[in-house]
Amino acid sequence: MKTVIALAILCSAAYAHADDCKPTGAPVFTIDAVDRGKVTSSTKLFGNGAWTVDANGGCADKAIATKVQALLAGAPWKISHPIHCEMMTTTWTNYYASGKLLFSERACNPDQLDDASAKSLAEIVKVVGAATQPVATTCKPTGDVVFEIAKKPNGAAKVGTSTTRVYASGAVTYAEKAADGANGPAKSSCLDKDALARIVDDVKAAPWTVTTPRVRCMARSQTVLEYSVQGKVVFAKQVCGTILDEASAKKLEDIESLLAKLVP
């Protein structure tokens, strides 16, 4: 009995998938454009590299967030008030670090940052601006589907589904459906040449050997992830399901890490 419980726990842990592009916790840095006291646009960078610009989002390298944190920690962030400004302005920009207002930039600003902090802020804005640009979609989802990940209900479970497809053209598409069948969010992106070649190599190099555990496991998940190559399912991942060989599991992990930067 202890063996069965232990296996169930291990199966459940193996099934968990960390979404590297999901914004979590307080943003490392936030840029809010304000007009007459109302935020008109908001850019946020999170510690895991995830970013959002209003309703759009994506994932940058985690090193970008680390660099921003280092720039924040390395500046004194001292504000002085050398001038008195009579001119009114209706628009300004607020900069936040971990949810705390760092500085407000506006025309005829009575507040002035020390030189070191002003230099750091300019660098941070430049870095965050470059990192939060959506990936240009210049490819089309044409040709063979090189690889597919389909989240499906396990049995008669009423759950939402999703499908991610990688095309020979380098296009990547993602689409969701709610449990009631209604269409959900959809997204398309493009892999660069090197990333596409890496996925193709991973798919070809993996033996895709699947075995059935010798110890019976009674746990059951509501969903199953089906991985397909050229339209053929090569592995179905679920709690207490079959086991993928170690070499293929490493290739699959690499593929998912590449796709995580483009789709949810």
C-alpha atoms as a PDB file:
ATOM      1  CA  MET A   1       0.000   0.000   0.000  1.00  0.00           C
ATOM      2  CA  LYS A   2       2.848   2.403   0.878  1.00  0.00           C
ATOM      3  CA  THR A   3       4.444   1.672  -2.483  1.00  0.00           C
ATOM      4  CA  VAL A   4       1.234   2.526  -4.338  1.00  0.00           C
ATOM      5  CA  ILE A   5       0.818   5.810  -2.433  1.00  0.00           C
ATOM      6  CA  ALA A   6       4.453   6.751  -3.056  1.00  0.00           C
ATOM      7  CA  LEU A   7       4.100   6.014  -6.762  1.00  0.00           C
ATOM      8  CA  ALA A   8       0.926   8.089  -6.935  1.00  0.00           C
ATOM      9  CA  ILE A   9       2.769  11.036  -5.392  1.00  0.00           C
ATOM     10  CA  LEU A  10       5.657  10.664  -7.822  1.00  0.00           C
ATOM     11  CA  CYS A  11       3.288  10.414 -10.774  1.00  0.00           C
ATOM     12  CA  SER A  12       1.471  13.539  -9.650  1.00  0.00           C
ATOM     13  CA  ALA A  13       4.743  15.446  -9.250  1.00  0.00           C
ATOM     14  CA  ALA A  14       5.939  14.355 -12.673  1.00  0.00           C
ATOM     15  CA  TYR A  15       2.694  15.554 -14.230  1.00  0.00           C
ATOM     16  CA  ALA A  16       2.969  19.057 -12.806  1.00  0.00           C
ATOM     17  CA  HIS A  17       4.205  21.513 -15.398  1.00  0.00           C
ATOM     18  CA  ALA A  18       5.607  24.906 -14.416  1.00  0.00           C
ATOM     19  CA  ASP A  19       4.449  27.616 -16.777  1.00  0.00           C
ATOM     20  CA  ASP A  20       7.560  29.792 -17.146  1.00  0.00           C
ATOM     21  CA  CYS A  21       5.574  32.534 -18.886  1.00  0.00           C
ATOM     22  CA  LYS A  22       2.933  33.009 -16.238  1.00  0.00           C
ATOM     23  CA  PRO A  23       3.247  36.345 -14.377  1.00  0.00           C
ATOM     24  CA  THR A  24       3.649  35.530 -10.670  1.00  0.00           C
ATOM     25  CA  GLY A  25       4.168  37.684  -7.615  1.00  0.00           C
ATOM     26  CA  ALA A  26       4.741  41.428  -7.632  1.00  0.00           C
ATOM     27  CA  PRO A  27       6.327  42.825 -10.814  1.00  0.00           C
ATOM     28  CA  VAL A  28      10.039  43.547 -10.556  1.00  0.00           C
ATOM     29  CA  PHE A  29       9.463  46.754 -12.493  1.00  0.00           C
ATOM     30  CA  THR A  30       6.378  48.592 -13.725  1.00  0.00           C
ATOM     31  CA  ILE A  31       6.002  51.509 -16.128  1.00  0.00           C
ATOM     32  CA  ASP A  32       2.604  53.227 -15.993  1.00  0.00           C
ATOM     33  CA  ALA A  33       1.614  55.920 -18.478  1.00  0.00           C
ATOM     34  CA  VAL A  34      -0.857  58.238 -16.741  1.00  0.00           C
ATOM     35  CA  ASP A  35      -3.265  60.780 -18.208  1.00  0.00           C
ATOM     36  CA  ARG A  36      -5.259  62.989 -15.818  1.00  0.00           C
ATOM     37  CA  GLY A  37      -4.718  60.522 -13.001  1.00  0.00           C
ATOM     38  CA  LYS A  38      -5.815  57.480 -15.040  1.00  0.00           C
ATOM     39  CA  VAL A  39      -3.395  54.749 -16.125  1.00  0.00           C
ATOM     40  CA  THR A  40      -3.628  54.510 -19.922  1.00  0.00           C
ATOM     41  CA  SER A  41      -0.940  51.872 -20.441  1.00  0.00           C
ATOM     42  CA  SER A  42       0.983  49.588 -18.096  1.00  0.00           C
ATOM     43  CA  THR A  43       4.157  47.592 -18.748  1.00  0.00           C
ATOM     44  CA  LYS A  44       5.205  44.991 -16.181  1.00  0.00           C
ATOM     45  CA  LEU A  45       8.283  42.754 -15.943  1.00  0.00           C
ATOM     46  CA  PHE A  46       8.226  39.824 -13.508  1.00  0.00           C
ATOM     47  CA  GLY A  47      11.019  37.944 -11.775  1.00  0.00           C
ATOM     48  CA  ASN A  48      10.693  34.836 -13.947  1.00  0.00           C
ATOM     49  CA  GLY A  49      11.005  36.841 -17.168  1.00  0.00           C
ATOM     50  CA  ALA A  50       7.268  37.015 -17.852  1.00  0.00           C
ATOM     51  CA  TRP A  51       6.015  40.396 -19.034  1.00  0.00           C
ATOM     52  CA  THR A  52       2.735  42.090 -19.797  1.00  0.00           C
ATOM     53  CA  VAL A  53       1.918  45.212 -21.765  1.00  0.00           C
ATOM     54  CA  ASP A  54      -1.749  45.926 -21.141  1.00  0.00           C
ATOM     55  CA  ALA A  55      -3.600  42.884 -22.575  1.00  0.00           C
ATOM     56  CA  ASN A  56      -0.533  41.430 -24.314  1.00  0.00           C
ATOM     57  CA  GLY A  57       2.181  39.322 -22.746  1.00  0.00           C
ATOM     58  CA  GLY A  58       5.147  37.082 -23.307  1.00  0.00           C
ATOM     59  CA  CYS A  59       8.312  35.742 -21.765  1.00  0.00           C
ATOM     60  CA  ALA A  60      11.803  37.231 -21.816  1.00  0.00           C
ATOM     61  CA  ASP A  61      14.997  35.635 -20.581  1.00  0.00           C
ATOM     62  CA  LYS A  62      15.032  35.503 -16.775  1.00  0.00           C
ATOM     63  CA  ALA A  63      18.445  37.188 -16.925  1.00  0.00           C
ATOM     64  CA  ILE A  64      16.661  40.392 -18.009  1.00  0.00           C
ATOM     65  CA  ALA A  65      14.760  40.531 -14.705  1.00  0.00           C
ATOM     66  CA  THR A  66      17.989  39.778 -12.826  1.00  0.00           C
ATOM     67  CA  LYS A  67      19.728  42.664 -14.601  1.00  0.00           C
ATOM     68  CA  VAL A  68      16.886  45.046 -13.745  1.00  0.00           C
ATOM     69  CA  GLN A  69      17.015  43.976 -10.098  1.00  0.00           C
ATOM     70  CA  ALA A  70      20.775  44.613 -10.032  1.00  0.00           C
ATOM     71  CA  LEU A  71      20.321  48.093 -11.518  1.00  0.00           C
ATOM     72  CA  LEU A  72      17.626  48.869  -8.958  1.00  0.00           C
ATOM     73  CA  ALA A  73      19.797  47.696  -6.072  1.00  0.00           C
ATOM     74  CA  GLY A  74      22.864  49.590  -7.297  1.00  0.00           C
ATOM     75  CA  ALA A  75      21.322  53.081  -7.313  1.00  0.00           C
ATOM     76  CA  PRO A  76      20.612  55.323  -4.271  1.00  0.00           C
ATOM     77  CA  TRP A  77      17.283  56.633  -5.654  1.00  0.00           C
ATOM     78  CA  LYS A  78      17.559  60.028  -3.972  1.00  0.00           C
ATOM     79  CA  ILE A  79      15.040  62.683  -4.999  1.00  0.00           C
ATOM     80  CA  SER A  80      15.661  66.398  -4.588  1.00  0.00           C
ATOM     81  CA  HIS A  81      13.472  69.427  -5.316  1.00  0.00           C
ATOM     82  CA  PRO A  82      15.740  72.057  -6.888  1.00  0.00           C
ATOM     83  CA  ILE A  83      13.041  73.978  -8.737  1.00  0.00           C
ATOM     84  CA  HIS A  84       9.473  75.149  -8.296  1.00  0.00           C
ATOM     85  CA  CYS A  85       7.359  74.543 -11.408  1.00  0.00           C
ATOM     86  CA  GLU A  86       4.163  76.503 -12.071  1.00  0.00           C
ATOM     87  CA  MET A  87       3.223  74.677 -15.291  1.00  0.00           C
ATOM     88  CA  MET A  88       0.482  72.069 -15.034  1.00  0.00           C
ATOM     89  CA  THR A  89       0.798  68.777 -16.886  1.00  0.00           C
ATOM     90  CA  THR A  90      -1.947  66.213 -17.471  1.00  0.00           C
ATOM     91  CA  THR A  91       0.310  63.323 -18.459  1.00  0.00           C
ATOM     92  CA  TRP A  92       3.228  61.673 -16.686  1.00  0.00           C
ATOM     93  CA  THR A  93       4.948  58.318 -16.223  1.00  0.00           C
ATOM     94  CA  ASN A  94       5.172  56.404 -12.947  1.00  0.00           C
ATOM     95  CA  TYR A  95       7.959  53.890 -12.338  1.00  0.00           C
ATOM     96  CA  TYR A  96       7.464  51.195  -9.691  1.00  0.00           C
ATOM     97  CA  ALA A  97       9.904  48.713  -8.180  1.00  0.00           C
ATOM     98  CA  SER A  98       8.231  45.638  -6.635  1.00  0.00           C
ATOM     99  CA  GLY A  99       4.944  47.560  -6.429  1.00  0.00           C
ATOM    100  CA  LYS A 100       6.429  50.626  -4.699  1.00  0.00           C
ATOM    101  CA  LEU A 101       6.467  53.991  -6.483  1.00  0.00           C
ATOM    102  CA  LEU A 102      10.064  54.777  -7.398  1.00  0.00           C
ATOM    103  CA  PHE A 103       9.797  57.990  -9.400  1.00  0.00           C
ATOM    104  CA  SER A 104       7.302  60.054 -11.406  1.00  0.00           C
ATOM    105  CA  GLU A 105       8.568  61.599 -14.609  1.00  0.00           C
ATOM    106  CA  ARG A 106       6.727  64.617 -16.034  1.00  0.00           C
ATOM    107  CA  ALA A 107       7.269  67.873 -17.906  1.00  0.00           C
ATOM    108  CA  CYS A 108       8.610  70.691 -15.736  1.00  0.00           C
ATOM    109  CA  ASN A 109       9.257  68.190 -12.962  1.00  0.00           C
ATOM    110  CA  PRO A 110       9.935  69.633  -9.488  1.00  0.00           C
ATOM    111  CA  ASP A 111      11.379  66.242  -8.502  1.00  0.00           C
ATOM    112  CA  GLN A 112      14.874  65.350  -9.660  1.00  0.00           C
ATOM    113  CA  LEU A 113      16.737  62.066  -9.335  1.00  0.00           C
ATOM    114  CA  ASP A 114      20.422  61.968  -8.442  1.00  0.00           C
ATOM    115  CA  ASP A 115      22.680  61.414 -11.460  1.00  0.00           C
ATOM    116  CA  ALA A 116      23.472  57.756 -10.707  1.00  0.00           C
ATOM    117  CA  SER A 117      19.813  56.841 -10.275  1.00  0.00           C
ATOM    118  CA  ALA A 118      18.777  58.791 -13.382  1.00  0.00           C
ATOM    119  CA  LYS A 119      21.338  56.835 -15.379  1.00  0.00           C
ATOM    120  CA  SER A 120      20.117  53.528 -13.922  1.00  0.00           C
ATOM    121  CA  LEU A 121      16.482  54.422 -14.628  1.00  0.00           C
ATOM    122  CA  ALA A 122      17.263  55.234 -18.267  1.00  0.00           C
ATOM    123  CA  GLU A 123      19.027  51.868 -18.628  1.00  0.00           C
ATOM    124  CA  ILE A 124      16.173  49.984 -16.950  1.00  0.00           C
ATOM    125  CA  VAL A 125      13.567  51.611 -19.198  1.00  0.00           C
ATOM    126  CA  LYS A 126      15.674  50.720 -22.235  1.00  0.00           C
ATOM    127  CA  VAL A 127      16.117  47.088 -21.115  1.00  0.00           C
ATOM    128  CA  VAL A 128      12.458  46.600 -20.163  1.00  0.00           C
ATOM    129  CA  GLY A 129      11.250  48.254 -23.368  1.00  0.00           C
ATOM    130  CA  ALA A 130      13.390  45.934 -25.510  1.00  0.00           C
ATOM    131  CA  ALA A 131      12.374  42.826 -23.546  1.00  0.00           C
ATOM    132  CA  THR A 132       8.623  43.452 -23.701  1.00  0.00           C
ATOM    133  CA  GLN A 133       8.245  43.579 -27.466  1.00  0.00           C
ATOM    134  CA  PRO A 134       5.899  40.912 -28.903  1.00  0.00           C
ATOM    135  CA  VAL A 135       7.512  38.371 -31.201  1.00  0.00           C
ATOM    136  CA  ALA A 136       6.816  39.396 -34.770  1.00  0.00           C
ATOM    137  CA  THR A 137       4.628  36.909 -36.566  1.00  0.00           C
ATOM    138  CA  THR A 138       5.997  36.809 -40.100  1.00  0.00           C
ATOM    139  CA  CYS A 139       5.576  33.096 -40.788  1.00  0.00           C
ATOM    140  CA  LYS A 140       2.424  31.199 -41.685  1.00  0.00           C
ATOM    141  CA  PRO A 141       1.164  27.887 -40.232  1.00  0.00           C
ATOM    142  CA  THR A 142       1.795  25.881 -43.389  1.00  0.00           C
ATOM    143  CA  GLY A 143       3.377  22.547 -44.200  1.00  0.00           C
ATOM    144  CA  ASP A 144       3.579  19.497 -41.957  1.00  0.00           C
ATOM    145  CA  VAL A 145       2.815  19.703 -38.249  1.00  0.00           C
ATOM    146  CA  VAL A 146       6.216  18.787 -36.855  1.00  0.00           C
ATOM    147  CA  PHE A 147       5.056  18.488 -33.260  1.00  0.00           C
ATOM    148  CA  GLU A 148       1.800  18.862 -31.374  1.00  0.00           C
ATOM    149  CA  ILE A 149       0.807  19.087 -27.721  1.00  0.00           C
ATOM    150  CA  ALA A 150      -2.898  18.518 -27.063  1.00  0.00           C
ATOM    151  CA  LYS A 151      -4.452  18.881 -23.621  1.00  0.00           C
ATOM    152  CA  LYS A 152      -7.552  16.683 -23.643  1.00  0.00           C
ATOM    153  CA  PRO A 153     -10.133  15.493 -21.116  1.00  0.00           C
ATOM    154  CA  ASN A 154      -9.383  12.159 -19.502  1.00  0.00           C
ATOM    155  CA  GLY A 155     -12.478  10.090 -20.134  1.00  0.00           C
ATOM    156  CA  ALA A 156     -15.726  11.994 -19.610  1.00  0.00           C
ATOM    157  CA  ALA A 157     -14.192  14.839 -17.561  1.00  0.00           C
ATOM    158  CA  LYS A 158     -15.625  18.270 -18.390  1.00  0.00           C
ATOM    159  CA  VAL A 159     -12.530  20.453 -18.643  1.00  0.00           C
ATOM    160  CA  GLY A 160     -11.015  23.062 -20.907  1.00  0.00           C
ATOM    161  CA  THR A 161      -8.676  21.909 -23.666  1.00  0.00           C
ATOM    162  CA  SER A 162      -5.794  23.411 -25.610  1.00  0.00           C
ATOM    163  CA  THR A 163      -3.670  22.589 -28.645  1.00  0.00           C
ATOM    164  CA  THR A 164      -0.168  23.753 -29.515  1.00  0.00           C
ATOM    165  CA  ARG A 165       1.180  23.010 -32.989  1.00  0.00           C
ATOM    166  CA  VAL A 166       4.638  23.519 -34.461  1.00  0.00           C
ATOM    167  CA  TYR A 167       4.667  23.742 -38.261  1.00  0.00           C
ATOM    168  CA  ALA A 168       7.499  23.062 -40.689  1.00  0.00           C
ATOM    169  CA  SER A 169       7.400  26.766 -41.609  1.00  0.00           C
ATOM    170  CA  GLY A 170       8.421  27.673 -38.040  1.00  0.00           C
ATOM    171  CA  ALA A 171       4.958  28.912 -37.111  1.00  0.00           C
ATOM    172  CA  VAL A 172       3.618  28.003 -33.679  1.00  0.00           C
ATOM    173  CA  THR A 173      -0.112  28.175 -32.961  1.00  0.00           C
ATOM    174  CA  TYR A 174      -1.956  27.888 -29.673  1.00  0.00           C
ATOM    175  CA  ALA A 175      -5.717  27.630 -29.171  1.00  0.00           C
ATOM    176  CA  GLU A 176      -7.961  26.962 -26.183  1.00  0.00           C
ATOM    177  CA  LYS A 177     -11.506  25.727 -25.771  1.00  0.00           C
ATOM    178  CA  ALA A 178     -13.583  26.086 -22.614  1.00  0.00           C
ATOM    179  CA  ALA A 179     -15.246  23.096 -20.997  1.00  0.00           C
ATOM    180  CA  ASP A 180     -18.508  24.046 -22.730  1.00  0.00           C
ATOM    181  CA  GLY A 181     -16.801  24.023 -26.139  1.00  0.00           C
ATOM    182  CA  ALA A 182     -16.585  27.788 -26.540  1.00  0.00           C
ATOM    183  CA  ASN A 183     -13.441  29.084 -28.211  1.00  0.00           C
ATOM    184  CA  GLY A 184     -10.912  30.592 -25.824  1.00  0.00           C
ATOM    185  CA  PRO A 185      -7.660  32.544 -26.286  1.00  0.00           C
ATOM    186  CA  ALA A 186      -5.633  31.903 -29.434  1.00  0.00           C
ATOM    187  CA  LYS A 187      -2.095  32.960 -30.239  1.00  0.00           C
ATOM    188  CA  SER A 188       0.436  32.522 -33.033  1.00  0.00           C
ATOM    189  CA  SER A 189       4.171  33.125 -33.036  1.00  0.00           C
ATOM    190  CA  CYS A 190       7.289  32.258 -34.990  1.00  0.00           C
ATOM    191  CA  LEU A 191      10.279  30.182 -34.001  1.00  0.00           C
ATOM    192  CA  ASP A 192      13.625  31.442 -35.157  1.00  0.00           C
ATOM    193  CA  LYS A 193      15.651  29.193 -37.468  1.00  0.00           C
ATOM    194  CA  ASP A 194      17.838  27.758 -34.698  1.00  0.00           C
ATOM    195  CA  ALA A 195      14.909  26.981 -32.351  1.00  0.00           C
ATOM    196  CA  LEU A 196      12.972  25.219 -35.126  1.00  0.00           C
ATOM    197  CA  ALA A 197      16.026  23.151 -36.066  1.00  0.00           C
ATOM    198  CA  ARG A 198      16.483  22.200 -32.422  1.00  0.00           C
ATOM    199  CA  ILE A 199      12.892  21.000 -32.114  1.00  0.00           C
ATOM    200  CA  VAL A 200      13.169  19.000 -35.337  1.00  0.00           C
ATOM    201  CA  ASP A 201      16.404  17.403 -34.079  1.00  0.00           C
ATOM    202  CA  ASP A 202      14.834  16.624 -30.691  1.00  0.00           C
ATOM    203  CA  VAL A 203      11.850  14.953 -32.355  1.00  0.00           C
ATOM    204  CA  LYS A 204      14.071  12.819 -34.581  1.00  0.00           C
ATOM    205  CA  ALA A 205      16.558  11.886 -31.852  1.00  0.00           C
ATOM    206  CA  ALA A 206      13.969  10.770 -29.293  1.00  0.00           C
ATOM    207  CA  PRO A 207      13.208   7.008 -29.397  1.00  0.00           C
ATOM    208  CA  TRP A 208       9.740   7.642 -27.927  1.00  0.00           C
ATOM    209  CA  THR A 209       9.777   4.391 -25.978  1.00  0.00           C
ATOM    210  CA  VAL A 210       6.806   4.022 -23.648  1.00  0.00           C
ATOM    211  CA  THR A 211       6.465   1.450 -20.857  1.00  0.00           C
ATOM    212  CA  THR A 212       3.713   0.543 -18.409  1.00  0.00           C
ATOM    213  CA  PRO A 213       4.581   0.749 -14.673  1.00  0.00           C
ATOM    214  CA  ARG A 214       4.774  -2.623 -12.964  1.00  0.00           C
ATOM    215  CA  VAL A 215       3.164  -1.237  -9.808  1.00  0.00           C
ATOM    216  CA  ARG A 216      -0.516  -0.438 -10.198  1.00  0.00           C
ATOM    217  CA  CYS A 217      -1.482   3.189  -9.516  1.00  0.00           C
ATOM    218  CA  MET A 218      -5.072   4.137  -8.708  1.00  0.00           C
ATOM    219  CA  ALA A 219      -4.861   7.942  -9.025  1.00  0.00           C
ATOM    220  CA  ARG A 220      -6.490   9.601 -12.036  1.00  0.00           C
ATOM    221  CA  SER A 221      -6.151  13.052 -13.537  1.00  0.00           C
ATOM    222  CA  GLN A 222      -8.908  14.995 -15.279  1.00  0.00           C
ATOM    223  CA  THR A 223      -6.720  15.792 -18.262  1.00  0.00           C
ATOM    224  CA  VAL A 224      -4.156  14.028 -20.405  1.00  0.00           C
ATOM    225  CA  LEU A 225      -1.398  15.635 -22.491  1.00  0.00           C
ATOM    226  CA  GLU A 226      -0.932  13.951 -25.849  1.00  0.00           C
ATOM    227  CA  TYR A 227       2.340  14.553 -27.695  1.00  0.00           C
ATOM    228  CA  SER A 228       2.229  13.850 -31.436  1.00  0.00           C
ATOM    229  CA  VAL A 229       4.880  13.689 -34.140  1.00  0.00           C
ATOM    230  CA  GLN A 230       3.679  14.057 -37.737  1.00  0.00           C
ATOM    231  CA  GLY A 231       0.124  13.399 -36.572  1.00  0.00           C
ATOM    232  CA  LYS A 232       0.932  10.256 -34.577  1.00  0.00           C
ATOM    233  CA  VAL A 233       0.626  10.219 -30.773  1.00  0.00           C
ATOM    234  CA  VAL A 234       3.995   9.188 -29.340  1.00  0.00           C
ATOM    235  CA  PHE A 235       3.256   9.720 -25.635  1.00  0.00           C
ATOM    236  CA  ALA A 236       0.247  10.495 -23.441  1.00  0.00           C
ATOM    237  CA  LYS A 237       1.160  12.040 -20.093  1.00  0.00           C
ATOM    238  CA  GLN A 238      -1.218  11.702 -17.156  1.00  0.00           C
ATOM    239  CA  VAL A 239      -1.180  10.833 -13.479  1.00  0.00           C
ATOM    240  CA  CYS A 240      -0.431   7.118 -13.081  1.00  0.00           C
ATOM    241  CA  GLY A 241      -0.039   6.691 -16.822  1.00  0.00           C
ATOM    242  CA  THR A 242       2.682   5.173 -18.960  1.00  0.00           C
ATOM    243  CA  ILE A 243       6.354   6.115 -18.558  1.00  0.00           C
ATOM    244  CA  LEU A 244       8.508   7.720 -21.243  1.00  0.00           C
ATOM    245  CA  ASP A 245      12.131   6.658 -21.638  1.00  0.00           C
ATOM    246  CA  GLU A 246      14.723   8.988 -20.104  1.00  0.00           C
ATOM    247  CA  ALA A 247      16.277  10.129 -23.404  1.00  0.00           C
ATOM    248  CA  SER A 248      12.905  11.094 -24.873  1.00  0.00           C
ATOM    249  CA  ALA A 249      11.862  12.791 -21.620  1.00  0.00           C
ATOM    250  CA  LYS A 250      14.919  15.073 -21.866  1.00  0.00           C
ATOM    251  CA  LYS A 251      14.163  15.907 -25.499  1.00  0.00           C
ATOM    252  CA  LEU A 252      10.548  16.643 -24.594  1.00  0.00           C
ATOM    253  CA  GLU A 253      11.653  18.947 -21.773  1.00  0.00           C
ATOM    254  CA  ASP A 254      13.849  20.853 -24.226  1.00  0.00           C
ATOM    255  CA  ILE A 255      10.993  21.231 -26.727  1.00  0.00           C
ATOM    256  CA  GLU A 256       8.612  22.515 -24.049  1.00  0.00           C
ATOM    257  CA  SER A 257      11.200  25.010 -22.793  1.00  0.00           C
ATOM    258  CA  LEU A 258      11.502  26.476 -26.299  1.00  0.00           C
ATOM    259  CA  LEU A 259       7.739  26.691 -26.760  1.00  0.00           C
ATOM    260  CA  ALA A 260       7.162  28.195 -23.297  1.00  0.00           C
ATOM    261  CA  LYS A 261       8.633  31.493 -24.542  1.00  0.00           C
ATOM    262  CA  LEU A 262       6.032  31.764 -27.297  1.00  0.00           C
ATOM    263  CA  VAL A 263       2.779  30.259 -26.012  1.00  0.00           C
ATOM    264  CA  PRO A 264       1.067  29.939 -22.588  1.00  0.00           C
END
